[in-house]
Amino acid sequence: MLTACGSKATTEGGADLVKADTFTFSASGEFKPFSYTNSEGKMEGFDIDVAEAVAKELGLKPDQKKFKFAGIVEGVKSGRFDAAVASHTITEDRAKEVDFSTPYYYSGPQIFVRPDSDVETLDDLKGKEIAVSKGSSYAKEAEAVTDNIPQYDSDVVALEALSKGKHDAVITDFVTGKEAISSGVKLDAKELLGRSEQAIAVSKDNPKLLKEINAALEKLRDDGTLKKISEKYFDSDITTDPSE
């Protein structure tokens, strides 16, 4: 899949790569079950499996790079990574900075509170303290009702802080909240605030790579690989568009 193009590493289709024969992708490693760090310091999770499946389809070796979520988009823009496979929700602001693949899973923000909370809906959180993860799209949901929005490097850490008495609520991906609760974090899920599309981020200067990634994702959808990866982590298929 690689050809020489001056000093650059490229795919057969002419897409630029950070390193020859390699799909260099970033994730936070702090967003269980999508990406988390094991005892050996390597990342595992749904996003990681998807990235490795895409790399295989591209005929490249996967090379994971752990990076703070808030800086990943900039890392893709600057050419530090070929792509981000890090549960980025497609938003207008992000789409000004990077290009997005077709969605590889569908999700949505949800409110999480302690079991003794009276909060049921977003309106109930007017003027209250809502924690979110840095760089996530969930701050905008919170901004509709409050200016008091502490930010954490990780959604999981925010949820754990909430369970220990900090803040009034956390807004995060409903699957992440569900996973935290199933692992023993004492929280309740409340209003679901909509649906979102998560996709792979690629530099706007690398349209050929975006095309190849989209082709890889189409193959992985058609042959059932994405569904299989989803069921491995969630016992359900979050890779299918719920509107279809």
Protein backbone atom coordinates (compact mmCIF):
# COMPACT_ATOMS: atom_id res chain seq x y z
CA MET A 1 0.00 0.00 0.00
CA LEU A 2 3.01 2.33 0.30
CA THR A 3 4.85 4.22 -2.38
CA ALA A 4 7.74 6.66 -2.26
CA CYS A 5 6.81 10.28 -2.78
CA GLY A 6 9.94 12.29 -2.18
CA SER A 7 10.64 12.03 1.56
CA LYS A 8 6.99 11.43 2.35
CA ALA A 9 5.34 8.14 3.23
CA THR A 10 2.14 7.64 1.31
CA THR A 11 -0.44 4.97 0.63
CA GLU A 12 -0.85 3.49 -2.82
CA GLY A 13 -3.67 5.95 -3.36
CA GLY A 14 -1.42 8.90 -2.55
CA ALA A 15 -2.61 9.63 0.99
CA ASP A 16 0.03 11.10 3.29
CA LEU A 17 1.18 9.13 6.34
CA VAL A 18 3.16 10.18 9.39
CA LYS A 19 5.24 6.99 9.17
CA ALA A 20 5.73 4.50 6.36
CA ASP A 21 3.60 1.35 6.45
CA THR A 22 1.80 2.69 9.53
CA PHE A 23 -1.59 4.09 10.51
CA THR A 24 -0.73 6.48 13.34
CA PHE A 25 -3.89 7.24 15.32
CA SER A 26 -4.64 9.05 18.56
CA ALA A 27 -7.06 8.44 21.41
CA SER A 28 -7.19 9.62 25.02
CA GLY A 29 -6.97 6.30 26.86
CA GLU A 30 -9.25 7.89 29.47
CA PHE A 31 -12.71 7.18 28.08
CA LYS A 32 -13.67 3.68 29.13
CA PRO A 33 -14.98 1.56 27.42
CA PHE A 34 -14.05 3.44 24.23
CA SER A 35 -10.38 3.83 25.08
CA TYR A 36 -8.63 3.01 28.32
CA THR A 37 -5.11 2.18 29.43
CA ASN A 38 -4.23 -1.34 30.56
CA SER A 39 -1.62 -2.38 33.12
CA GLU A 40 1.05 -2.48 30.42
CA GLY A 41 0.39 1.13 29.40
CA LYS A 42 -1.28 0.23 26.10
CA MET A 43 -4.71 1.45 25.11
CA GLU A 44 -7.64 -0.91 24.69
CA GLY A 45 -11.33 -0.41 23.99
CA PHE A 46 -13.93 0.02 21.31
CA ASP A 47 -12.20 2.94 19.56
CA ILE A 48 -8.88 1.11 19.60
CA ASP A 49 -10.37 -2.03 18.05
CA VAL A 50 -12.04 0.08 15.35
CA ALA A 51 -8.76 1.89 14.60
CA GLU A 52 -6.89 -1.40 14.33
CA ALA A 53 -9.57 -2.83 12.03
CA VAL A 54 -9.31 0.26 9.80
CA ALA A 55 -5.51 -0.07 9.75
CA LYS A 56 -5.84 -3.69 8.65
CA GLU A 57 -8.17 -2.71 5.81
CA LEU A 58 -5.66 -0.06 4.74
CA GLY A 59 -2.87 -2.63 4.77
CA LEU A 60 -1.01 -0.68 7.46
CA LYS A 61 0.35 -1.38 10.92
CA PRO A 62 -1.63 0.36 13.68
CA ASP A 63 0.35 2.69 15.93
CA GLN A 64 -1.63 4.09 18.84
CA LYS A 65 -0.74 7.43 20.41
CA LYS A 66 -2.21 8.36 23.78
CA PHE A 67 -2.99 12.06 23.96
CA LYS A 68 -5.14 14.35 26.11
CA PHE A 69 -8.56 14.60 24.48
CA ALA A 70 -8.60 18.40 24.39
CA GLY A 71 -5.47 18.47 22.20
CA ILE A 72 -6.20 15.63 19.80
CA VAL A 73 -7.89 17.70 17.06
CA GLU A 74 -4.94 20.10 17.00
CA GLY A 75 -2.60 17.09 16.78
CA VAL A 76 -4.44 15.85 13.70
CA LYS A 77 -4.37 19.34 12.14
CA SER A 78 -0.64 19.71 12.70
CA GLY A 79 0.17 16.31 11.21
CA ARG A 80 1.25 14.69 14.46
CA PHE A 81 -1.27 11.89 13.83
CA ASP A 82 -2.76 10.47 10.64
CA ALA A 83 -6.16 10.42 12.30
CA ALA A 84 -8.03 10.53 15.58
CA VAL A 85 -10.16 7.53 16.48
CA ALA A 86 -11.29 9.00 19.76
CA SER A 87 -15.09 9.22 19.91
CA HIS A 88 -15.22 12.73 18.46
CA THR A 89 -18.78 13.91 17.95
CA ILE A 90 -19.22 15.62 14.59
CA THR A 91 -19.87 19.32 15.31
CA GLU A 92 -19.80 22.45 13.16
CA ASP A 93 -16.87 23.88 15.12
CA ARG A 94 -14.76 20.75 14.81
CA ALA A 95 -15.64 20.39 11.13
CA LYS A 96 -13.99 23.78 10.55
CA GLU A 97 -10.73 22.34 11.87
CA VAL A 98 -10.66 18.76 10.53
CA ASP A 99 -12.55 16.51 8.14
CA PHE A 100 -14.70 13.69 9.46
CA SER A 101 -15.28 10.21 8.15
CA THR A 102 -18.70 8.66 7.93
CA PRO A 103 -19.86 7.88 11.50
CA TYR A 104 -18.56 4.66 13.02
CA TYR A 105 -20.98 4.80 15.93
CA TYR A 106 -23.98 6.74 17.19
CA SER A 107 -24.49 8.00 20.69
CA GLY A 108 -25.90 10.90 22.67
CA PRO A 109 -25.31 13.07 25.73
CA GLN A 110 -27.08 12.20 28.97
CA ILE A 111 -27.36 13.74 32.43
CA PHE A 112 -25.93 11.76 35.34
CA VAL A 113 -26.55 12.58 39.00
CA ARG A 114 -26.17 11.02 42.43
CA PRO A 115 -29.04 8.76 43.58
CA ASP A 116 -30.20 11.35 46.15
CA SER A 117 -30.56 14.10 43.53
CA ASP A 118 -33.93 15.63 42.59
CA VAL A 119 -32.69 16.45 39.08
CA GLU A 120 -34.60 14.83 36.22
CA THR A 121 -34.11 17.19 33.26
CA LEU A 122 -31.70 19.83 31.97
CA ASP A 123 -34.08 22.57 33.16
CA ASP A 124 -33.66 21.27 36.71
CA LEU A 125 -29.95 22.16 36.47
CA LYS A 126 -30.42 25.90 35.89
CA GLY A 127 -27.66 27.75 37.73
CA LYS A 128 -26.20 24.53 39.11
CA GLU A 129 -22.74 23.00 38.67
CA ILE A 130 -22.38 20.61 35.72
CA ALA A 131 -19.05 18.90 35.11
CA VAL A 132 -17.88 17.81 31.64
CA SER A 133 -14.64 16.62 30.01
CA LYS A 134 -12.26 19.13 28.43
CA GLY A 135 -12.61 19.40 24.69
CA SER A 136 -15.92 17.52 24.59
CA SER A 137 -19.07 18.83 22.95
CA TYR A 138 -21.03 18.45 26.18
CA ALA A 139 -20.08 21.87 27.56
CA LYS A 140 -22.47 23.43 25.05
CA GLU A 141 -25.32 21.37 26.48
CA ALA A 142 -24.44 22.65 29.95
CA GLU A 143 -24.06 26.27 28.80
CA ALA A 144 -27.78 26.35 28.02
CA VAL A 145 -28.56 26.38 31.74
CA THR A 146 -25.44 27.42 33.69
CA ASP A 147 -22.09 29.20 33.63
CA ASN A 148 -20.71 26.90 36.33
CA ILE A 149 -19.05 24.15 34.28
CA PRO A 150 -15.94 22.50 35.79
CA GLN A 151 -13.93 20.56 33.23
CA TYR A 152 -11.96 17.35 33.67
CA ASP A 153 -9.39 15.62 31.48
CA SER A 154 -11.59 12.51 31.52
CA ASP A 155 -15.34 11.82 31.54
CA VAL A 156 -14.70 8.86 33.84
CA VAL A 157 -12.89 11.05 36.41
CA ALA A 158 -15.77 13.56 36.25
CA LEU A 159 -18.29 10.80 36.95
CA GLU A 160 -16.23 9.48 39.85
CA ALA A 161 -15.96 12.99 41.33
CA LEU A 162 -19.73 13.39 41.04
CA SER A 163 -20.32 10.11 42.86
CA LYS A 164 -18.08 11.33 45.71
CA GLY A 165 -20.14 14.46 46.30
CA LYS A 166 -18.70 17.02 43.90
CA HIS A 167 -20.88 18.98 41.45
CA ASP A 168 -24.60 18.63 40.81
CA ALA A 169 -24.39 16.61 37.60
CA VAL A 170 -22.18 15.37 34.77
CA ILE A 171 -23.13 15.41 31.11
CA THR A 172 -21.39 12.74 29.07
CA ASP A 173 -21.99 10.04 26.48
CA PHE A 174 -24.76 7.73 27.66
CA VAL A 175 -22.71 4.60 26.98
CA THR A 176 -19.82 5.90 29.10
CA GLY A 177 -22.18 6.71 31.96
CA LYS A 178 -23.85 3.31 31.69
CA GLU A 179 -20.47 1.60 31.78
CA ALA A 180 -19.42 3.57 34.88
CA ILE A 181 -22.63 2.61 36.68
CA SER A 182 -22.23 -1.05 35.73
CA SER A 183 -18.68 -0.97 37.14
CA GLY A 184 -19.95 0.17 40.52
CA VAL A 185 -20.04 3.98 40.39
CA LYS A 186 -23.14 5.04 42.34
CA LEU A 187 -24.98 7.31 39.91
CA ASP A 188 -28.36 7.53 38.19
CA ALA A 189 -28.99 8.31 34.52
CA LYS A 190 -31.54 11.03 33.79
CA GLU A 191 -32.60 12.98 30.67
CA LEU A 192 -31.09 11.93 27.33
CA LEU A 193 -30.27 15.17 25.49
CA GLY A 194 -30.24 13.95 21.91
CA ARG A 195 -28.37 11.76 19.47
CA SER A 196 -24.91 12.32 18.04
CA GLU A 197 -22.63 10.91 15.38
CA GLN A 198 -19.05 9.92 16.21
CA ALA A 199 -16.44 9.78 13.47
CA ILE A 200 -12.73 9.54 12.66
CA ALA A 201 -11.00 12.93 12.32
CA VAL A 202 -8.48 13.51 9.52
CA SER A 203 -6.51 16.58 8.45
CA LYS A 204 -8.19 18.75 5.83
CA ASP A 205 -4.88 18.55 3.95
CA ASN A 206 -5.25 14.78 3.52
CA PRO A 207 -8.48 14.15 1.55
CA LYS A 208 -7.11 10.97 0.00
CA LEU A 209 -6.67 9.39 3.43
CA LEU A 210 -10.23 10.37 4.34
CA LYS A 211 -11.49 8.62 1.20
CA GLU A 212 -9.53 5.47 2.04
CA ILE A 213 -10.77 5.46 5.65
CA ASN A 214 -14.37 5.83 4.48
CA ALA A 215 -13.91 2.90 2.12
CA ALA A 216 -12.46 0.85 4.97
CA LEU A 217 -15.37 1.72 7.27
CA GLU A 218 -17.87 0.76 4.57
CA LYS A 219 -16.21 -2.63 4.24
CA LEU A 220 -16.18 -3.11 8.03
CA ARG A 221 -19.89 -2.25 8.21
CA ASP A 222 -20.80 -4.56 5.34
CA ASP A 223 -18.87 -7.56 6.64
CA GLY A 224 -20.17 -7.19 10.20
CA THR A 225 -16.84 -6.28 11.81
CA LEU A 226 -18.08 -3.02 13.35
CA LYS A 227 -21.13 -4.77 14.77
CA LYS A 228 -18.94 -7.51 16.23
CA ILE A 229 -16.62 -4.98 17.90
CA SER A 230 -19.62 -3.11 19.33
CA GLU A 231 -21.19 -6.25 20.76
CA LYS A 232 -17.85 -7.15 22.36
CA TYR A 233 -17.97 -4.01 24.50
CA PHE A 234 -21.64 -3.11 24.79
CA ASP A 235 -23.67 -6.28 24.12
CA SER A 236 -25.48 -4.21 21.49
CA ASP A 237 -24.81 -2.60 18.13
CA ILE A 238 -24.12 1.14 18.45
CA THR A 239 -22.68 1.30 14.91
CA THR A 240 -26.05 1.35 13.14
CA ASP A 241 -27.78 4.65 12.43
CA PRO A 242 -30.82 4.66 14.79
CA SER A 243 -32.81 6.81 12.34
CA GLU A 244 -32.71 4.11 9.67
